[in-house]
C-alpha atoms as a PDB file:
ATOM      1  CA  UNK A   1      23.713   5.713 117.988  1.00  0.00           C
ATOM      2  CA  UNK A   2      20.801   6.219 115.685  1.00  0.00           C
ATOM      3  CA  UNK A   3      20.238   8.238 112.640  1.00  0.00           C
ATOM      4  CA  UNK A   4      17.155   9.860 111.653  1.00  0.00           C
ATOM      5  CA  UNK A   5      15.673  10.819 108.267  1.00  0.00           C
ATOM      6  CA  UNK A   6      12.404  12.215 108.178  1.00  0.00           C
ATOM      7  CA  UNK A   7       9.588  12.136 104.754  1.00  0.00           C
ATOM      8  CA  UNK A   8       6.272  13.120 104.480  1.00  0.00           C
ATOM      9  CA  UNK A   9       6.399  16.915 104.489  1.00  0.00           C
ATOM     10  CA  UNK A  10       4.959  19.010 101.610  1.00  0.00           C
ATOM     11  CA  UNK A  11       2.664  21.491 100.770  1.00  0.00           C
ATOM     12  CA  UNK A  12      -1.181  21.250 102.005  1.00  0.00           C
ATOM     13  CA  UNK A  13      -4.101  23.489 101.928  1.00  0.00           C
ATOM     14  CA  UNK A  14      -5.640  24.712 105.646  1.00  0.00           C
ATOM     15  CA  UNK A  15      -7.694  21.865 107.018  1.00  0.00           C
ATOM     16  CA  UNK A  16      -5.859  19.367 105.281  1.00  0.00           C
ATOM     17  CA  UNK A  17      -3.809  16.293 106.749  1.00  0.00           C
ATOM     18  CA  UNK A  18      -0.193  15.015 106.334  1.00  0.00           C
ATOM     19  CA  UNK A  19       1.336  12.206 107.971  1.00  0.00           C
ATOM     20  CA  UNK A  20       5.521  12.521 108.721  1.00  0.00           C
ATOM     21  CA  UNK A  21       7.660   9.633 109.244  1.00  0.00           C
ATOM     22  CA  UNK A  22      10.876   9.446 110.818  1.00  0.00           C
ATOM     23  CA  UNK A  23      13.045   6.189 109.923  1.00  0.00           C
ATOM     24  CA  UNK A  24      15.565   5.405 112.238  1.00  0.00           C
ATOM     25  CA  UNK A  25      19.062   3.463 111.650  1.00  0.00           C
ATOM     26  CA  UNK A  26      20.940   2.010 114.125  1.00  0.00           C
ATOM     27  CA  UNK A  27      20.816  -0.252 117.297  1.00  0.00           C
ATOM     28  CA  UNK A  28      18.466  -0.333 120.073  1.00  0.00           C
ATOM     29  CA  UNK A  29      16.034   1.974 118.871  1.00  0.00           C
ATOM     30  CA  UNK A  30      13.503   0.942 121.485  1.00  0.00           C
ATOM     31  CA  UNK A  31      15.412   2.312 123.951  1.00  0.00           C
ATOM     32  CA  UNK A  32      15.323   5.962 123.053  1.00  0.00           C
ATOM     33  CA  UNK A  33      12.479   8.216 123.660  1.00  0.00           C
ATOM     34  CA  UNK A  34      11.432   9.897 120.246  1.00  0.00           C
ATOM     35  CA  UNK A  35      10.098  13.470 119.929  1.00  0.00           C
ATOM     36  CA  UNK A  36       9.057  15.909 116.997  1.00  0.00           C
ATOM     37  CA  UNK A  37       9.819  19.615 116.969  1.00  0.00           C
ATOM     38  CA  UNK A  38       9.374  21.963 114.623  1.00  0.00           C
ATOM     39  CA  UNK A  39      10.756  25.423 113.751  1.00  0.00           C
ATOM     40  CA  UNK A  40       9.236  28.331 111.877  1.00  0.00           C
ATOM     41  CA  UNK A  41      11.088  31.211 110.352  1.00  0.00           C
ATOM     42  CA  UNK A  42      12.254  33.720 112.782  1.00  0.00           C
ATOM     43  CA  UNK A  43      11.134  31.272 115.717  1.00  0.00           C
ATOM     44  CA  UNK A  44      12.511  29.308 118.440  1.00  0.00           C
ATOM     45  CA  UNK A  45      12.389  25.773 118.086  1.00  0.00           C
ATOM     46  CA  UNK A  46       8.977  24.394 119.512  1.00  0.00           C
ATOM     47  CA  UNK A  47       8.047  20.702 121.316  1.00  0.00           C
ATOM     48  CA  UNK A  48       5.377  19.237 119.068  1.00  0.00           C
ATOM     49  CA  UNK A  49       5.018  15.581 120.379  1.00  0.00           C
ATOM     50  CA  UNK A  50       7.152  12.868 122.322  1.00  0.00           C
ATOM     51  CA  UNK A  51       6.704   9.299 122.902  1.00  0.00           C
ATOM     52  CA  UNK A  52       7.820   6.487 125.320  1.00  0.00           C
ATOM     53  CA  UNK A  53      10.053   3.869 124.434  1.00  0.00           C
ATOM     54  CA  UNK A  54       7.018   1.408 124.241  1.00  0.00           C
ATOM     55  CA  UNK A  55       4.814   3.673 122.599  1.00  0.00           C
ATOM     56  CA  UNK A  56       2.460   3.678 125.731  1.00  0.00           C
ATOM     57  CA  UNK A  57       2.416   6.961 126.583  1.00  0.00           C
ATOM     58  CA  UNK A  58       2.522  10.171 124.621  1.00  0.00           C
ATOM     59  CA  UNK A  59       2.884  13.707 125.080  1.00  0.00           C
ATOM     60  CA  UNK A  60       2.089  16.829 123.207  1.00  0.00           C
ATOM     61  CA  UNK A  61       2.768  20.638 123.201  1.00  0.00           C
ATOM     62  CA  UNK A  62      -0.454  22.910 123.315  1.00  0.00           C
ATOM     63  CA  UNK A  63      -0.335  23.760 119.404  1.00  0.00           C
ATOM     64  CA  UNK A  64      -0.726  20.018 118.786  1.00  0.00           C
ATOM     65  CA  UNK A  65      -2.911  18.681 121.372  1.00  0.00           C
ATOM     66  CA  UNK A  66      -6.385  17.472 119.808  1.00  0.00           C
ATOM     67  CA  UNK A  67      -4.675  17.597 116.136  1.00  0.00           C
ATOM     68  CA  UNK A  68      -1.604  15.943 115.854  1.00  0.00           C
ATOM     69  CA  UNK A  69      -0.785  11.864 116.793  1.00  0.00           C
ATOM     70  CA  UNK A  70       2.660  10.554 117.642  1.00  0.00           C
ATOM     71  CA  UNK A  71       3.121   6.963 117.221  1.00  0.00           C
ATOM     72  CA  UNK A  72       6.059   4.571 116.792  1.00  0.00           C
ATOM     73  CA  UNK A  73       6.559   0.818 115.396  1.00  0.00           C
ATOM     74  CA  UNK A  74       9.523  -0.365 117.114  1.00  0.00           C
ATOM     75  CA  UNK A  75       9.644  -3.414 114.818  1.00  0.00           C
ATOM     76  CA  UNK A  76      10.239  -1.166 111.646  1.00  0.00           C
ATOM     77  CA  UNK A  77      12.526   1.654 113.487  1.00  0.00           C
ATOM     78  CA  UNK A  78       9.943   4.107 112.657  1.00  0.00           C
ATOM     79  CA  UNK A  79       7.809   6.959 114.233  1.00  0.00           C
ATOM     80  CA  UNK A  80       5.086   8.808 112.636  1.00  0.00           C
ATOM     81  CA  UNK A  81       3.396  12.379 113.627  1.00  0.00           C
ATOM     82  CA  UNK A  82      -0.148  12.318 112.099  1.00  0.00           C
ATOM     83  CA  UNK A  83      -1.320  15.925 111.757  1.00  0.00           C
ATOM     84  CA  UNK A  84      -4.890  16.854 110.943  1.00  0.00           C
ATOM     85  CA  UNK A  85      -6.783  19.878 110.426  1.00  0.00           C
ATOM     86  CA  UNK A  86      -3.664  21.712 109.484  1.00  0.00           C
ATOM     87  CA  UNK A  87      -3.503  25.706 110.007  1.00  0.00           C
ATOM     88  CA  UNK A  88      -1.042  28.218 108.175  1.00  0.00           C
ATOM     89  CA  UNK A  89       0.365  28.665 111.687  1.00  0.00           C
ATOM     90  CA  UNK A  90       1.352  24.747 111.447  1.00  0.00           C
ATOM     91  CA  UNK A  91       4.107  25.810 108.859  1.00  0.00           C
ATOM     92  CA  UNK A  92       7.532  25.098 109.648  1.00  0.00           C
ATOM     93  CA  UNK A  93      10.082  22.488 109.582  1.00  0.00           C
ATOM     94  CA  UNK A  94       9.497  19.593 111.729  1.00  0.00           C
ATOM     95  CA  UNK A  95      12.497  17.497 112.838  1.00  0.00           C
ATOM     96  CA  UNK A  96      12.357  14.050 114.927  1.00  0.00           C
ATOM     97  CA  UNK A  97      14.619  13.610 117.589  1.00  0.00           C
ATOM     98  CA  UNK A  98      16.105  10.749 119.614  1.00  0.00           C
ATOM     99  CA  UNK A  99      17.117  10.635 123.366  1.00  0.00           C
ATOM    100  CA  UNK A 100      18.764   7.661 124.696  1.00  0.00           C
ATOM    101  CA  UNK A 101      19.134   8.666 128.619  1.00  0.00           C
ATOM    102  CA  UNK A 102      18.150   5.782 130.182  1.00  0.00           C
ATOM    103  CA  UNK A 103      18.001   7.902 133.470  1.00  0.00           C
ATOM    104  CA  UNK A 104      15.142   9.662 132.334  1.00  0.00           C
ATOM    105  CA  UNK A 105      11.764   7.864 132.974  1.00  0.00           C
ATOM    106  CA  UNK A 106       9.428   9.973 130.764  1.00  0.00           C
ATOM    107  CA  UNK A 107      10.230  11.704 127.600  1.00  0.00           C
ATOM    108  CA  UNK A 108      11.404  15.441 127.787  1.00  0.00           C
ATOM    109  CA  UNK A 109      10.012  18.340 126.234  1.00  0.00           C
ATOM    110  CA  UNK A 110      13.343  20.195 126.044  1.00  0.00           C
ATOM    111  CA  UNK A 111      15.129  20.007 122.703  1.00  0.00           C
ATOM    112  CA  UNK A 112      18.524  20.003 124.391  1.00  0.00           C
ATOM    113  CA  UNK A 113      17.719  16.757 125.978  1.00  0.00           C
ATOM    114  CA  UNK A 114      17.631  15.216 122.696  1.00  0.00           C
ATOM    115  CA  UNK A 115      21.526  14.027 121.150  1.00  0.00           C
ATOM    116  CA  UNK A 116      20.187  12.684 117.975  1.00  0.00           C
ATOM    117  CA  UNK A 117      18.340  14.619 115.322  1.00  0.00           C
ATOM    118  CA  UNK A 118      17.137  14.197 111.704  1.00  0.00           C
ATOM    119  CA  UNK A 119      17.179  16.754 108.844  1.00  0.00           C
ATOM    120  CA  UNK A 120      14.028  17.944 109.200  1.00  0.00           C
ATOM    121  CA  UNK A 121      10.990  18.054 106.646  1.00  0.00           C
ATOM    122  CA  UNK A 122       9.238  21.418 105.526  1.00  0.00           C
ATOM    123  CA  UNK A 123       5.565  21.712 106.244  1.00  0.00           C
ATOM    124  CA  UNK A 124       3.824  24.429 104.542  1.00  0.00           C
ATOM    125  CA  UNK A 125       0.130  25.124 104.869  1.00  0.00           C
ATOM    126  CA  UNK A 126      -1.601  27.374 102.536  1.00  0.00           C
ATOM    127  CA  UNK A 127      -4.541  29.679 103.719  1.00  0.00           C
END
C-alpha cells in the first residue's frame, strides 16, 4: 500500500503559477500509475493529469492541456503538478491518487480506478 500527502496549494492571483507535490510513503512506488484530480465546490471530481509508472508518458484533461505539467521522481517517491497561467476556474481541492493495477497498460482518467488517495490541497485563484 501507499500513503499520499499533497502540499503546495495556496492562494494565487490569476496568471500566477503553483507547483503541487505529492509525497508517497510505502513500497513499490514506481509500480503505481499516479494521477491528479480536482474537485470544485458543487462539481464532480475532474481528471487533471496522469503519469505512467516510469514517467515517460503523461496524460492531461482538457482543462490542463498546455498549462499543467505532471512529473514524478521515483527515487524520491514524489509526484508533481506544475501549474502555470492559473485561472479562477482552476480553484479547487487538488488530490493525487495512485493506481497499482498491474493489468492496466496506461493510466486511467477515471477516479474510480484509483485505489489510493491523498487528503488534497486547496488551490484558490483570485481574479
